Amino acid sequence: MYCVWRNVSVYKFLKTAYNTCVIEVSDEQFADSIERAFDRLPKVHRNAVKNVAIVYADEPTPEQRVQLALRSNQTLFGLYEGVPLSNRGGVTSYGPDKITIFKLPICMVVDTSEQLDEQVWHTLWHEVAHYFGLNHDDIHRREK
């Protein structure tokens, strides 16, 4: 089971060092992109994702930044919070896991809606891989 929490505000992104054009993405459009990304995951993986809230936020919170020791010039596209399936030892009483997709960092590096969808998909895939217990080295090997 998954869900996407929505707001109704619209953000406009101006030219930055990270992109070369202006892209406007409403929260609804971003939520739709996350839903499309989830639907693109292989069916076997979609069906195995249980008790995970898939949400989005504008950017990482100050607490998340401190917890992850992010420097001022670093950000995240996504974050998995929970106990990976591979670490549960058969215990089923864990609370819900959470995958957060961060809207502003993603929108800062894309120029088109197609690039947005691709980056959201890649980010969601990466965070779902963490849910299944893959570390960054495993994920990068599989990406190749």
C-alpha atoms as a PDB file:
ATOM      1  CA  MET A   1       0.000   0.000   0.000  1.00  0.00           C
ATOM      2  CA  TYR A   2       1.268   3.439  -0.775  1.00  0.00           C
ATOM      3  CA  CYS A   3      -0.086   6.931  -0.639  1.00  0.00           C
ATOM      4  CA  VAL A   4       0.865  10.366  -1.834  1.00  0.00           C
ATOM      5  CA  TRP A   5      -0.084  13.281   0.370  1.00  0.00           C
ATOM      6  CA  ARG A   6      -1.048  16.377  -1.558  1.00  0.00           C
ATOM      7  CA  ASN A   7      -1.194  20.103  -1.028  1.00  0.00           C
ATOM      8  CA  VAL A   8      -2.644  22.602  -3.465  1.00  0.00           C
ATOM      9  CA  SER A   9      -0.041  25.351  -3.795  1.00  0.00           C
ATOM     10  CA  VAL A  10       1.836  26.062  -7.018  1.00  0.00           C
ATOM     11  CA  TYR A  11       5.533  26.889  -7.094  1.00  0.00           C
ATOM     12  CA  LYS A  12       7.429  28.723  -9.805  1.00  0.00           C
ATOM     13  CA  PHE A  13      11.105  27.996 -10.234  1.00  0.00           C
ATOM     14  CA  LEU A  14      13.425  30.630 -11.601  1.00  0.00           C
ATOM     15  CA  LYS A  15      16.668  30.215 -13.457  1.00  0.00           C
ATOM     16  CA  THR A  16      19.406  28.944 -11.148  1.00  0.00           C
ATOM     17  CA  ALA A  17      22.900  27.556 -11.382  1.00  0.00           C
ATOM     18  CA  TYR A  18      21.315  24.093 -11.594  1.00  0.00           C
ATOM     19  CA  ASN A  19      18.965  24.582 -14.509  1.00  0.00           C
ATOM     20  CA  THR A  20      18.632  26.711 -17.585  1.00  0.00           C
ATOM     21  CA  CYS A  21      14.918  27.208 -17.875  1.00  0.00           C
ATOM     22  CA  VAL A  22      11.889  27.970 -15.791  1.00  0.00           C
ATOM     23  CA  ILE A  23       9.659  25.040 -14.844  1.00  0.00           C
ATOM     24  CA  GLU A  24       6.367  25.352 -13.037  1.00  0.00           C
ATOM     25  CA  VAL A  25       5.162  22.278 -11.167  1.00  0.00           C
ATOM     26  CA  SER A  26       2.099  22.263  -8.964  1.00  0.00           C
ATOM     27  CA  ASP A  27       1.920  19.942  -5.995  1.00  0.00           C
ATOM     28  CA  GLU A  28      -0.765  17.978  -7.830  1.00  0.00           C
ATOM     29  CA  GLN A  29       1.497  17.557 -10.865  1.00  0.00           C
ATOM     30  CA  PHE A  30       4.340  16.443  -8.611  1.00  0.00           C
ATOM     31  CA  ALA A  31       2.087  13.945  -6.816  1.00  0.00           C
ATOM     32  CA  ASP A  32       0.939  12.619 -10.190  1.00  0.00           C
ATOM     33  CA  SER A  33       4.566  12.181 -11.228  1.00  0.00           C
ATOM     34  CA  ILE A  34       5.201  10.125  -8.076  1.00  0.00           C
ATOM     35  CA  GLU A  35       2.170   7.953  -8.812  1.00  0.00           C
ATOM     36  CA  ARG A  36       3.357   7.384 -12.397  1.00  0.00           C
ATOM     37  CA  ALA A  37       6.823   6.517 -11.061  1.00  0.00           C
ATOM     38  CA  PHE A  38       5.382   3.950  -8.656  1.00  0.00           C
ATOM     39  CA  ASP A  39       3.364   2.421 -11.491  1.00  0.00           C
ATOM     40  CA  ARG A  40       6.597   2.059 -13.524  1.00  0.00           C
ATOM     41  CA  LEU A  41       8.234  -0.121 -10.883  1.00  0.00           C
ATOM     42  CA  PRO A  42       8.175  -3.834 -11.715  1.00  0.00           C
ATOM     43  CA  LYS A  43       4.912  -5.393 -10.557  1.00  0.00           C
ATOM     44  CA  VAL A  44       6.697  -7.835  -8.274  1.00  0.00           C
ATOM     45  CA  HIS A  45       8.305  -4.909  -6.428  1.00  0.00           C
ATOM     46  CA  ARG A  46       5.132  -2.801  -6.341  1.00  0.00           C
ATOM     47  CA  ASN A  47       3.253  -5.710  -4.795  1.00  0.00           C
ATOM     48  CA  ALA A  48       6.002  -6.273  -2.212  1.00  0.00           C
ATOM     49  CA  VAL A  49       5.948  -2.683  -0.931  1.00  0.00           C
ATOM     50  CA  LYS A  50       3.804  -2.944   2.203  1.00  0.00           C
ATOM     51  CA  ASN A  51       3.023  -0.435   4.945  1.00  0.00           C
ATOM     52  CA  VAL A  52       5.051   2.354   3.304  1.00  0.00           C
ATOM     53  CA  ALA A  53       3.865   5.942   3.039  1.00  0.00           C
ATOM     54  CA  ILE A  54       5.229   7.583  -0.091  1.00  0.00           C
ATOM     55  CA  VAL A  55       5.042  11.315   0.492  1.00  0.00           C
ATOM     56  CA  TYR A  56       6.659  14.461  -0.767  1.00  0.00           C
ATOM     57  CA  ALA A  57       7.995  17.594   0.821  1.00  0.00           C
ATOM     58  CA  ASP A  58       9.541  20.735  -0.573  1.00  0.00           C
ATOM     59  CA  GLU A  59      12.966  19.941   0.858  1.00  0.00           C
ATOM     60  CA  PRO A  60      14.633  18.098   3.731  1.00  0.00           C
ATOM     61  CA  THR A  61      13.830  19.443   7.182  1.00  0.00           C
ATOM     62  CA  PRO A  62      16.573  21.002   9.316  1.00  0.00           C
ATOM     63  CA  GLU A  63      16.418  17.885  11.529  1.00  0.00           C
ATOM     64  CA  GLN A  64      16.902  15.562   8.531  1.00  0.00           C
ATOM     65  CA  ARG A  65      19.807  17.705   7.320  1.00  0.00           C
ATOM     66  CA  VAL A  66      21.489  17.450  10.742  1.00  0.00           C
ATOM     67  CA  GLN A  67      20.781  13.723  11.086  1.00  0.00           C
ATOM     68  CA  LEU A  68      22.324  13.038   7.662  1.00  0.00           C
ATOM     69  CA  ALA A  69      25.175  15.534   8.187  1.00  0.00           C
ATOM     70  CA  LEU A  70      24.350  17.384   4.971  1.00  0.00           C
ATOM     71  CA  ARG A  71      26.549  20.369   4.244  1.00  0.00           C
ATOM     72  CA  SER A  72      25.000  23.663   3.166  1.00  0.00           C
ATOM     73  CA  ASN A  73      25.726  22.912  -0.502  1.00  0.00           C
ATOM     74  CA  GLN A  74      24.152  19.440  -0.355  1.00  0.00           C
ATOM     75  CA  THR A  75      20.564  18.311  -0.608  1.00  0.00           C
ATOM     76  CA  LEU A  76      18.530  15.175  -1.228  1.00  0.00           C
ATOM     77  CA  PHE A  77      16.124  14.085  -3.928  1.00  0.00           C
ATOM     78  CA  GLY A  78      14.618  11.405  -1.689  1.00  0.00           C
ATOM     79  CA  LEU A  79      14.855   9.752   1.707  1.00  0.00           C
ATOM     80  CA  TYR A  80      13.864   6.323   3.009  1.00  0.00           C
ATOM     81  CA  GLU A  81      13.074   6.189   6.729  1.00  0.00           C
ATOM     82  CA  GLY A  82      12.350   2.856   8.329  1.00  0.00           C
ATOM     83  CA  VAL A  83      13.767  -0.601   8.887  1.00  0.00           C
ATOM     84  CA  PRO A  84      14.761  -2.301   5.622  1.00  0.00           C
ATOM     85  CA  LEU A  85      13.054  -5.613   4.956  1.00  0.00           C
ATOM     86  CA  SER A  86      16.408  -7.388   4.986  1.00  0.00           C
ATOM     87  CA  ASN A  87      17.024  -6.228   8.585  1.00  0.00           C
ATOM     88  CA  ARG A  88      13.704  -7.287  10.080  1.00  0.00           C
ATOM     89  CA  GLY A  89      14.481 -10.928  10.771  1.00  0.00           C
ATOM     90  CA  GLY A  90      10.878 -11.927  10.119  1.00  0.00           C
ATOM     91  CA  VAL A  91       9.470  -9.438  12.642  1.00  0.00           C
ATOM     92  CA  THR A  92       6.287  -7.883  11.279  1.00  0.00           C
ATOM     93  CA  SER A  93       5.437  -5.439  14.054  1.00  0.00           C
ATOM     94  CA  TYR A  94       7.439  -2.492  12.738  1.00  0.00           C
ATOM     95  CA  GLY A  95       5.585   0.753  12.232  1.00  0.00           C
ATOM     96  CA  PRO A  96       5.051   2.180   8.789  1.00  0.00           C
ATOM     97  CA  ASP A  97       8.093   3.072   6.732  1.00  0.00           C
ATOM     98  CA  LYS A  98       8.254   6.368   4.869  1.00  0.00           C
ATOM     99  CA  ILE A  99       9.734   7.410   1.562  1.00  0.00           C
ATOM    100  CA  THR A 100       9.887  11.160   0.996  1.00  0.00           C
ATOM    101  CA  ILE A 101      10.501  12.625  -2.447  1.00  0.00           C
ATOM    102  CA  PHE A 102      11.805  16.211  -2.267  1.00  0.00           C
ATOM    103  CA  LYS A 103      10.204  18.505  -4.801  1.00  0.00           C
ATOM    104  CA  LEU A 104      12.427  21.589  -4.850  1.00  0.00           C
ATOM    105  CA  PRO A 105      15.785  19.826  -5.290  1.00  0.00           C
ATOM    106  CA  ILE A 106      14.377  17.739  -8.140  1.00  0.00           C
ATOM    107  CA  CYS A 107      12.756  20.721  -9.825  1.00  0.00           C
ATOM    108  CA  MET A 108      16.042  22.605  -9.615  1.00  0.00           C
ATOM    109  CA  VAL A 109      17.820  20.088 -11.862  1.00  0.00           C
ATOM    110  CA  VAL A 110      15.201  19.441 -14.555  1.00  0.00           C
ATOM    111  CA  ASP A 111      14.098  21.499 -17.527  1.00  0.00           C
ATOM    112  CA  THR A 112      11.056  19.594 -18.786  1.00  0.00           C
ATOM    113  CA  SER A 113       8.155  17.556 -17.489  1.00  0.00           C
ATOM    114  CA  GLU A 114       9.728  14.474 -19.089  1.00  0.00           C
ATOM    115  CA  GLN A 115      12.955  15.058 -17.160  1.00  0.00           C
ATOM    116  CA  LEU A 116      10.884  15.605 -14.023  1.00  0.00           C
ATOM    117  CA  ASP A 117       9.132  12.255 -14.453  1.00  0.00           C
ATOM    118  CA  GLU A 118      12.444  10.516 -15.117  1.00  0.00           C
ATOM    119  CA  GLN A 119      14.149  12.027 -12.059  1.00  0.00           C
ATOM    120  CA  VAL A 120      11.160  11.265  -9.819  1.00  0.00           C
ATOM    121  CA  TRP A 121      11.128   7.673 -11.095  1.00  0.00           C
ATOM    122  CA  HIS A 122      14.860   7.259 -10.521  1.00  0.00           C
ATOM    123  CA  THR A 123      14.586   8.750  -7.025  1.00  0.00           C
ATOM    124  CA  LEU A 124      11.624   6.573  -6.064  1.00  0.00           C
ATOM    125  CA  TRP A 125      13.360   3.462  -7.429  1.00  0.00           C
ATOM    126  CA  HIS A 126      16.446   4.337  -5.362  1.00  0.00           C
ATOM    127  CA  GLU A 127      14.434   4.780  -2.142  1.00  0.00           C
ATOM    128  CA  VAL A 128      12.399   1.590  -2.724  1.00  0.00           C
ATOM    129  CA  ALA A 129      15.719  -0.221  -3.156  1.00  0.00           C
ATOM    130  CA  HIS A 130      16.698   0.992   0.330  1.00  0.00           C
ATOM    131  CA  TYR A 131      13.356  -0.343   1.630  1.00  0.00           C
ATOM    132  CA  PHE A 132      14.331  -3.763   0.280  1.00  0.00           C
ATOM    133  CA  GLY A 133      17.712  -3.473   2.016  1.00  0.00           C
ATOM    134  CA  LEU A 134      20.095  -2.421  -0.727  1.00  0.00           C
ATOM    135  CA  ASN A 135      22.886  -0.043   0.224  1.00  0.00           C
ATOM    136  CA  HIS A 136      24.284   2.658  -2.059  1.00  0.00           C
ATOM    137  CA  ASP A 137      26.987   0.399  -3.518  1.00  0.00           C
ATOM    138  CA  ASP A 138      24.361  -2.262  -4.381  1.00  0.00           C
ATOM    139  CA  ILE A 139      22.101   0.362  -5.922  1.00  0.00           C
ATOM    140  CA  HIS A 140      24.870   1.894  -8.037  1.00  0.00           C
ATOM    141  CA  ARG A 141      25.905  -1.555  -9.310  1.00  0.00           C
ATOM    142  CA  ARG A 142      22.325  -2.292 -10.339  1.00  0.00           C
ATOM    143  CA  GLU A 143      21.974   1.096 -12.043  1.00  0.00           C
ATOM    144  CA  LYS A 144      24.786   0.174 -14.411  1.00  0.00           C
END
